[in-house]
């Protein structure tokens, strides 16, 4: 799961360096959420609890996803 998190961080940094993050911010946020849901749906056993806790307490905060209302998301 750390790979998931780190690759999204790197992608965000690259988008910012190219000065296109603001233009694609909503798409990026939706990509992170959609991929997170996909990962949750495809994990079995105890790992789902671990990933859900990491997602809720760490990843979503770092990507500032919790600040948006439901209309911001495509799904």
PDB file of N, CA and C in Angstrom:
ATOM      1  N   UNK A   1       0.813  -1.201   0.000  1.00  0.00           N
ATOM      2  CA  UNK A   1       0.000   0.000   0.000  1.00  0.00           C
ATOM      3  C   UNK A   1       0.854   1.262   0.000  1.00  0.00           C
ATOM      4  N   UNK A   2       2.045   1.152   0.547  1.00  0.00           N
ATOM      5  CA  UNK A   2       2.934   2.311   0.534  1.00  0.00           C
ATOM      6  C   UNK A   2       3.306   2.715  -0.892  1.00  0.00           C
ATOM      7  N   UNK A   3       3.395   1.715  -1.765  1.00  0.00           N
ATOM      8  CA  UNK A   3       3.699   2.019  -3.166  1.00  0.00           C
ATOM      9  C   UNK A   3       2.586   2.877  -3.755  1.00  0.00           C
ATOM     10  N   UNK A   4       1.344   2.513  -3.463  1.00  0.00           N
ATOM     11  CA  UNK A   4       0.183   3.293  -3.905  1.00  0.00           C
ATOM     12  C   UNK A   4       0.328   4.749  -3.462  1.00  0.00           C
ATOM     13  N   UNK A   5       0.616   4.931  -2.213  1.00  0.00           N
ATOM     14  CA  UNK A   5       0.722   6.260  -1.628  1.00  0.00           C
ATOM     15  C   UNK A   5       1.894   7.047  -2.219  1.00  0.00           C
ATOM     16  N   UNK A   6       3.042   6.439  -2.272  1.00  0.00           N
ATOM     17  CA  UNK A   6       4.250   7.123  -2.762  1.00  0.00           C
ATOM     18  C   UNK A   6       4.135   7.497  -4.241  1.00  0.00           C
ATOM     19  N   UNK A   7       3.574   6.618  -5.049  1.00  0.00           N
ATOM     20  CA  UNK A   7       3.447   6.950  -6.470  1.00  0.00           C
ATOM     21  C   UNK A   7       2.491   8.112  -6.685  1.00  0.00           C
ATOM     22  N   UNK A   8       1.440   8.202  -5.888  1.00  0.00           N
ATOM     23  CA  UNK A   8       0.514   9.346  -6.007  1.00  0.00           C
ATOM     24  C   UNK A   8       1.185  10.632  -5.549  1.00  0.00           C
ATOM     25  N   UNK A   9       2.014  10.543  -4.526  1.00  0.00           N
ATOM     26  CA  UNK A   9       2.759  11.724  -4.078  1.00  0.00           C
ATOM     27  C   UNK A   9       3.713  12.206  -5.171  1.00  0.00           C
ATOM     28  N   UNK A  10       4.426  11.281  -5.780  1.00  0.00           N
ATOM     29  CA  UNK A  10       5.372  11.633  -6.841  1.00  0.00           C
ATOM     30  C   UNK A  10       4.637  12.240  -8.025  1.00  0.00           C
ATOM     31  N   UNK A  11       3.516  11.661  -8.395  1.00  0.00           N
ATOM     32  CA  UNK A  11       2.724  12.203  -9.491  1.00  0.00           C
ATOM     33  C   UNK A  11       2.269  13.628  -9.184  1.00  0.00           C
ATOM     34  N   UNK A  12       1.827  13.866  -7.978  1.00  0.00           N
ATOM     35  CA  UNK A  12       1.393  15.211  -7.582  1.00  0.00           C
ATOM     36  C   UNK A  12       2.562  16.199  -7.674  1.00  0.00           C
ATOM     37  N   UNK A  13       3.715  15.788  -7.212  1.00  0.00           N
ATOM     38  CA  UNK A  13       4.910  16.648  -7.284  1.00  0.00           C
ATOM     39  C   UNK A  13       5.266  16.959  -8.735  1.00  0.00           C
ATOM     40  N   UNK A  14       5.227  15.944  -9.593  1.00  0.00           N
ATOM     41  CA  UNK A  14       5.532  16.158 -11.009  1.00  0.00           C
ATOM     42  C   UNK A  14       4.541  17.112 -11.664  1.00  0.00           C
ATOM     43  N   UNK A  15       3.274  16.953 -11.348  1.00  0.00           N
ATOM     44  CA  UNK A  15       2.259  17.856 -11.896  1.00  0.00           C
ATOM     45  C   UNK A  15       2.504  19.293 -11.444  1.00  0.00           C
ATOM     46  N   UNK A  16       2.896  19.450 -10.192  1.00  0.00           N
ATOM     47  CA  UNK A  16       3.192  20.795  -9.673  1.00  0.00           C
ATOM     48  C   UNK A  16       4.442  21.378 -10.323  1.00  0.00           C
ATOM     49  N   UNK A  17       5.462  20.559 -10.506  1.00  0.00           N
ATOM     50  CA  UNK A  17       6.686  21.025 -11.148  1.00  0.00           C
ATOM     51  C   UNK A  17       6.429  21.480 -12.580  1.00  0.00           C
ATOM     52  N   UNK A  18       5.543  20.790 -13.256  1.00  0.00           N
ATOM     53  CA  UNK A  18       5.187  21.150 -14.634  1.00  0.00           C
ATOM     54  C   UNK A  18       4.156  22.286 -14.680  1.00  0.00           C
ATOM     55  N   UNK A  19       3.757  22.728 -13.501  1.00  0.00           N
ATOM     56  CA  UNK A  19       2.782  23.819 -13.353  1.00  0.00           C
ATOM     57  C   UNK A  19       1.432  23.512 -14.005  1.00  0.00           C
ATOM     58  N   UNK A  20       1.042  22.244 -13.903  1.00  0.00           N
ATOM     59  CA  UNK A  20      -0.255  21.858 -14.447  1.00  0.00           C
ATOM     60  C   UNK A  20      -1.165  21.229 -13.380  1.00  0.00           C
ATOM     61  N   UNK A  21      -0.698  21.207 -12.151  1.00  0.00           N
ATOM     62  CA  UNK A  21      -1.494  20.589 -11.093  1.00  0.00           C
ATOM     63  C   UNK A  21      -2.840  21.292 -10.926  1.00  0.00           C
ATOM     64  N   UNK A  22      -2.836  22.613 -10.890  1.00  0.00           N
ATOM     65  CA  UNK A  22      -4.100  23.340 -10.688  1.00  0.00           C
ATOM     66  C   UNK A  22      -5.111  23.021 -11.787  1.00  0.00           C
ATOM     67  N   UNK A  23      -4.615  22.901 -12.995  1.00  0.00           N
ATOM     68  CA  UNK A  23      -5.485  22.608 -14.134  1.00  0.00           C
ATOM     69  C   UNK A  23      -6.141  21.231 -14.009  1.00  0.00           C
ATOM     70  N   UNK A  24      -5.391  20.268 -13.468  1.00  0.00           N
ATOM     71  CA  UNK A  24      -5.863  18.888 -13.388  1.00  0.00           C
ATOM     72  C   UNK A  24      -6.172  18.434 -11.968  1.00  0.00           C
ATOM     73  N   UNK A  25      -6.247  19.357 -11.052  1.00  0.00           N
ATOM     74  CA  UNK A  25      -6.430  19.019  -9.641  1.00  0.00           C
ATOM     75  C   UNK A  25      -7.661  18.147  -9.398  1.00  0.00           C
ATOM     76  N   UNK A  26      -8.796  18.524  -9.920  1.00  0.00           N
ATOM     77  CA  UNK A  26     -10.018  17.749  -9.701  1.00  0.00           C
ATOM     78  C   UNK A  26      -9.878  16.340 -10.281  1.00  0.00           C
ATOM     79  N   UNK A  27      -9.279  16.222 -11.435  1.00  0.00           N
ATOM     80  CA  UNK A  27      -9.075  14.903 -12.035  1.00  0.00           C
ATOM     81  C   UNK A  27      -8.110  14.070 -11.187  1.00  0.00           C
ATOM     82  N   UNK A  28      -7.069  14.710 -10.691  1.00  0.00           N
ATOM     83  CA  UNK A  28      -6.106  14.009  -9.849  1.00  0.00           C
ATOM     84  C   UNK A  28      -6.765  13.516  -8.563  1.00  0.00           C
ATOM     85  N   UNK A  29      -7.502  14.373  -7.901  1.00  0.00           N
ATOM     86  CA  UNK A  29      -8.191  14.006  -6.663  1.00  0.00           C
ATOM     87  C   UNK A  29      -9.153  12.854  -6.930  1.00  0.00           C
ATOM     88  N   UNK A  30      -9.904  12.945  -7.998  1.00  0.00           N
ATOM     89  CA  UNK A  30     -10.839  11.871  -8.345  1.00  0.00           C
ATOM     90  C   UNK A  30     -10.107  10.578  -8.680  1.00  0.00           C
ATOM     91  N   UNK A  31      -8.972  10.682  -9.323  1.00  0.00           N
ATOM     92  CA  UNK A  31      -8.156   9.499  -9.621  1.00  0.00           C
ATOM     93  C   UNK A  31      -7.719   8.820  -8.324  1.00  0.00           C
ATOM     94  N   UNK A  32      -7.249   9.593  -7.368  1.00  0.00           N
ATOM     95  CA  UNK A  32      -6.805   9.034  -6.083  1.00  0.00           C
ATOM     96  C   UNK A  32      -7.972   8.347  -5.373  1.00  0.00           C
ATOM     97  N   UNK A  33      -9.126   8.979  -5.352  1.00  0.00           N
ATOM     98  CA  UNK A  33     -10.287   8.396  -4.682  1.00  0.00           C
ATOM     99  C   UNK A  33     -10.754   7.130  -5.401  1.00  0.00           C
ATOM    100  N   UNK A  34     -10.870   7.192  -6.711  1.00  0.00           N
ATOM    101  CA  UNK A  34     -11.319   6.036  -7.486  1.00  0.00           C
ATOM    102  C   UNK A  34     -10.374   4.857  -7.316  1.00  0.00           C
ATOM    103  N   UNK A  35      -9.080   5.122  -7.398  1.00  0.00           N
ATOM    104  CA  UNK A  35      -8.111   4.047  -7.237  1.00  0.00           C
ATOM    105  C   UNK A  35      -8.140   3.486  -5.819  1.00  0.00           C
ATOM    106  N   UNK A  36      -8.351   4.341  -4.843  1.00  0.00           N
ATOM    107  CA  UNK A  36      -8.445   3.889  -3.453  1.00  0.00           C
ATOM    108  C   UNK A  36      -9.627   2.956  -3.258  1.00  0.00           C
ATOM    109  N   UNK A  37     -10.753   3.312  -3.827  1.00  0.00           N
ATOM    110  CA  UNK A  37     -11.946   2.469  -3.733  1.00  0.00           C
ATOM    111  C   UNK A  37     -11.693   1.136  -4.444  1.00  0.00           C
ATOM    112  N   UNK A  38     -11.082   1.216  -5.606  1.00  0.00           N
ATOM    113  CA  UNK A  38     -10.748  -0.008  -6.341  1.00  0.00           C
ATOM    114  C   UNK A  38      -9.861  -0.921  -5.496  1.00  0.00           C
ATOM    115  N   UNK A  39      -8.836  -0.360  -4.877  1.00  0.00           N
ATOM    116  CA  UNK A  39      -7.938  -1.166  -4.044  1.00  0.00           C
ATOM    117  C   UNK A  39      -8.696  -1.783  -2.867  1.00  0.00           C
ATOM    118  N   UNK A  40      -9.560  -1.007  -2.235  1.00  0.00           N
ATOM    119  CA  UNK A  40     -10.339  -1.528  -1.111  1.00  0.00           C
ATOM    120  C   UNK A  40     -11.228  -2.687  -1.539  1.00  0.00           C
ATOM    121  N   UNK A  41     -11.804  -2.593  -2.716  1.00  0.00           N
ATOM    122  CA  UNK A  41     -12.694  -3.645  -3.207  1.00  0.00           C
ATOM    123  C   UNK A  41     -11.947  -4.932  -3.565  1.00  0.00           C
ATOM    124  N   UNK A  42     -10.650  -4.824  -3.782  1.00  0.00           N
ATOM    125  CA  UNK A  42      -9.886  -5.976  -4.253  1.00  0.00           C
ATOM    126  C   UNK A  42      -8.877  -6.512  -3.239  1.00  0.00           C
ATOM    127  N   UNK A  43      -9.026  -6.126  -1.993  1.00  0.00           N
ATOM    128  CA  UNK A  43      -8.146  -6.629  -0.941  1.00  0.00           C
ATOM    129  C   UNK A  43      -8.952  -7.564  -0.050  1.00  0.00           C
ATOM    130  N   UNK A  44      -8.330  -8.651   0.350  1.00  0.00           N
ATOM    131  CA  UNK A  44      -9.001  -9.626   1.209  1.00  0.00           C
ATOM    132  C   UNK A  44      -8.395  -9.641   2.606  1.00  0.00           C
ATOM    133  N   UNK A  45      -9.175 -10.150   3.537  1.00  0.00           N
ATOM    134  CA  UNK A  45      -8.681 -10.425   4.885  1.00  0.00           C
ATOM    135  C   UNK A  45      -8.298  -9.207   5.690  1.00  0.00           C
ATOM    136  N   UNK A  46      -7.302  -9.379   6.521  1.00  0.00           N
ATOM    137  CA  UNK A  46      -6.886  -8.351   7.467  1.00  0.00           C
ATOM    138  C   UNK A  46      -6.304  -7.121   6.776  1.00  0.00           C
ATOM    139  N   UNK A  47      -5.799  -7.300   5.562  1.00  0.00           N
ATOM    140  CA  UNK A  47      -5.193  -6.181   4.857  1.00  0.00           C
ATOM    141  C   UNK A  47      -6.190  -5.078   4.550  1.00  0.00           C
ATOM    142  N   UNK A  48      -7.463  -5.430   4.367  1.00  0.00           N
ATOM    143  CA  UNK A  48      -8.465  -4.406   4.085  1.00  0.00           C
ATOM    144  C   UNK A  48      -8.613  -3.454   5.273  1.00  0.00           C
ATOM    145  N   UNK A  49      -8.566  -3.969   6.476  1.00  0.00           N
ATOM    146  CA  UNK A  49      -8.659  -3.105   7.664  1.00  0.00           C
ATOM    147  C   UNK A  49      -7.443  -2.196   7.774  1.00  0.00           C
ATOM    148  N   UNK A  50      -6.274  -2.760   7.537  1.00  0.00           N
ATOM    149  CA  UNK A  50      -5.039  -1.982   7.591  1.00  0.00           C
ATOM    150  C   UNK A  50      -5.067  -0.867   6.550  1.00  0.00           C
ATOM    151  N   UNK A  51      -5.404  -1.210   5.303  1.00  0.00           N
ATOM    152  CA  UNK A  51      -5.430  -0.210   4.239  1.00  0.00           C
ATOM    153  C   UNK A  51      -6.496   0.848   4.497  1.00  0.00           C
ATOM    154  N   UNK A  52      -7.661   0.431   4.966  1.00  0.00           N
ATOM    155  CA  UNK A  52      -8.722   1.387   5.253  1.00  0.00           C
ATOM    156  C   UNK A  52      -8.267   2.393   6.312  1.00  0.00           C
ATOM    157  N   UNK A  53      -7.610   1.937   7.357  1.00  0.00           N
ATOM    158  CA  UNK A  53      -7.115   2.835   8.404  1.00  0.00           C
ATOM    159  C   UNK A  53      -6.054   3.789   7.856  1.00  0.00           C
ATOM    160  N   UNK A  54      -5.131   3.270   7.050  1.00  0.00           N
ATOM    161  CA  UNK A  54      -4.106   4.123   6.436  1.00  0.00           C
ATOM    162  C   UNK A  54      -4.761   5.148   5.513  1.00  0.00           C
ATOM    163  N   UNK A  55      -5.720   4.712   4.748  1.00  0.00           N
ATOM    164  CA  UNK A  55      -6.423   5.597   3.830  1.00  0.00           C
ATOM    165  C   UNK A  55      -7.141   6.696   4.593  1.00  0.00           C
ATOM    166  N   UNK A  56      -7.887   6.309   5.597  1.00  0.00           N
ATOM    167  CA  UNK A  56      -8.689   7.256   6.377  1.00  0.00           C
ATOM    168  C   UNK A  56      -7.825   8.229   7.180  1.00  0.00           C
ATOM    169  N   UNK A  57      -6.794   7.733   7.812  1.00  0.00           N
ATOM    170  CA  UNK A  57      -6.014   8.547   8.741  1.00  0.00           C
ATOM    171  C   UNK A  57      -4.786   9.213   8.138  1.00  0.00           C
ATOM    172  N   UNK A  58      -4.377   8.778   6.982  1.00  0.00           N
ATOM    173  CA  UNK A  58      -3.128   9.280   6.429  1.00  0.00           C
ATOM    174  C   UNK A  58      -3.287   9.773   4.996  1.00  0.00           C
ATOM    175  N   UNK A  59      -3.592   8.846   4.096  1.00  0.00           N
ATOM    176  CA  UNK A  59      -3.573   9.168   2.672  1.00  0.00           C
ATOM    177  C   UNK A  59      -4.572  10.259   2.294  1.00  0.00           C
ATOM    178  N   UNK A  60      -5.795  10.139   2.746  1.00  0.00           N
ATOM    179  CA  UNK A  60      -6.805  11.126   2.363  1.00  0.00           C
ATOM    180  C   UNK A  60      -6.501  12.502   2.943  1.00  0.00           C
ATOM    181  N   UNK A  61      -5.870  12.535   4.097  1.00  0.00           N
ATOM    182  CA  UNK A  61      -5.453  13.819   4.668  1.00  0.00           C
ATOM    183  C   UNK A  61      -4.333  14.439   3.846  1.00  0.00           C
ATOM    184  N   UNK A  62      -3.360  13.641   3.469  1.00  0.00           N
ATOM    185  CA  UNK A  62      -2.229  14.155   2.707  1.00  0.00           C
ATOM    186  C   UNK A  62      -2.651  14.687   1.342  1.00  0.00           C
ATOM    187  N   UNK A  63      -3.648  14.087   0.754  1.00  0.00           N
ATOM    188  CA  UNK A  63      -4.137  14.564  -0.535  1.00  0.00           C
ATOM    189  C   UNK A  63      -5.288  15.556  -0.389  1.00  0.00           C
ATOM    190  N   UNK A  64      -5.587  15.954   0.815  1.00  0.00           N
ATOM    191  CA  UNK A  64      -6.596  16.961   1.151  1.00  0.00           C
ATOM    192  C   UNK A  64      -7.952  16.610   0.541  1.00  0.00           C
ATOM    193  N   UNK A  65      -8.279  15.364   0.535  1.00  0.00           N
ATOM    194  CA  UNK A  65      -9.516  14.900  -0.083  1.00  0.00           C
ATOM    195  C   UNK A  65     -10.727  15.166   0.797  1.00  0.00           C
ATOM    196  N   UNK A  66     -10.544  15.150   2.084  1.00  0.00           N
ATOM    197  CA  UNK A  66     -11.664  15.296   3.013  1.00  0.00           C
ATOM    198  C   UNK A  66     -12.307  16.674   2.976  1.00  0.00           C
ATOM    199  N   UNK A  67     -11.656  17.658   2.407  1.00  0.00           N
ATOM    200  CA  UNK A  67     -12.208  19.013   2.409  1.00  0.00           C
ATOM    201  C   UNK A  67     -13.268  19.238   1.329  1.00  0.00           C
ATOM    202  N   UNK A  68     -13.384  18.322   0.383  1.00  0.00           N
ATOM    203  CA  UNK A  68     -14.317  18.503  -0.728  1.00  0.00           C
ATOM    204  C   UNK A  68     -15.661  17.856  -0.436  1.00  0.00           C
ATOM    205  N   UNK A  69     -16.729  18.479  -0.936  1.00  0.00           N
ATOM    206  CA  UNK A  69     -18.051  17.868  -0.754  1.00  0.00           C
ATOM    207  C   UNK A  69     -18.274  16.823  -1.836  1.00  0.00           C
ATOM    208  N   UNK A  70     -19.351  16.084  -1.712  1.00  0.00           N
ATOM    209  CA  UNK A  70     -19.605  14.956  -2.604  1.00  0.00           C
ATOM    210  C   UNK A  70     -19.777  15.364  -4.074  1.00  0.00           C
ATOM    211  N   UNK A  71     -20.154  16.581  -4.351  1.00  0.00           N
ATOM    212  CA  UNK A  71     -20.338  17.038  -5.725  1.00  0.00           C
ATOM    213  C   UNK A  71     -19.016  17.239  -6.470  1.00  0.00           C
ATOM    214  N   UNK A  72     -17.921  17.258  -5.748  1.00  0.00           N
ATOM    215  CA  UNK A  72     -16.605  17.436  -6.355  1.00  0.00           C
ATOM    216  C   UNK A  72     -16.134  16.164  -7.071  1.00  0.00           C
ATOM    217  N   UNK A  73     -16.688  15.029  -6.652  1.00  0.00           N
ATOM    218  CA  UNK A  73     -16.216  13.741  -7.131  1.00  0.00           C
ATOM    219  C   UNK A  73     -17.063  13.230  -8.287  1.00  0.00           C
ATOM    220  N   UNK A  74     -16.407  12.540  -9.196  1.00  0.00           N
ATOM    221  CA  UNK A  74     -17.071  12.005 -10.385  1.00  0.00           C
ATOM    222  C   UNK A  74     -17.843  10.722 -10.097  1.00  0.00           C
ATOM    223  N   UNK A  75     -17.440   9.995  -9.084  1.00  0.00           N
ATOM    224  CA  UNK A  75     -18.059   8.696  -8.809  1.00  0.00           C
ATOM    225  C   UNK A  75     -19.269   8.819  -7.926  1.00  0.00           C
TER     226      UNK A  75
END
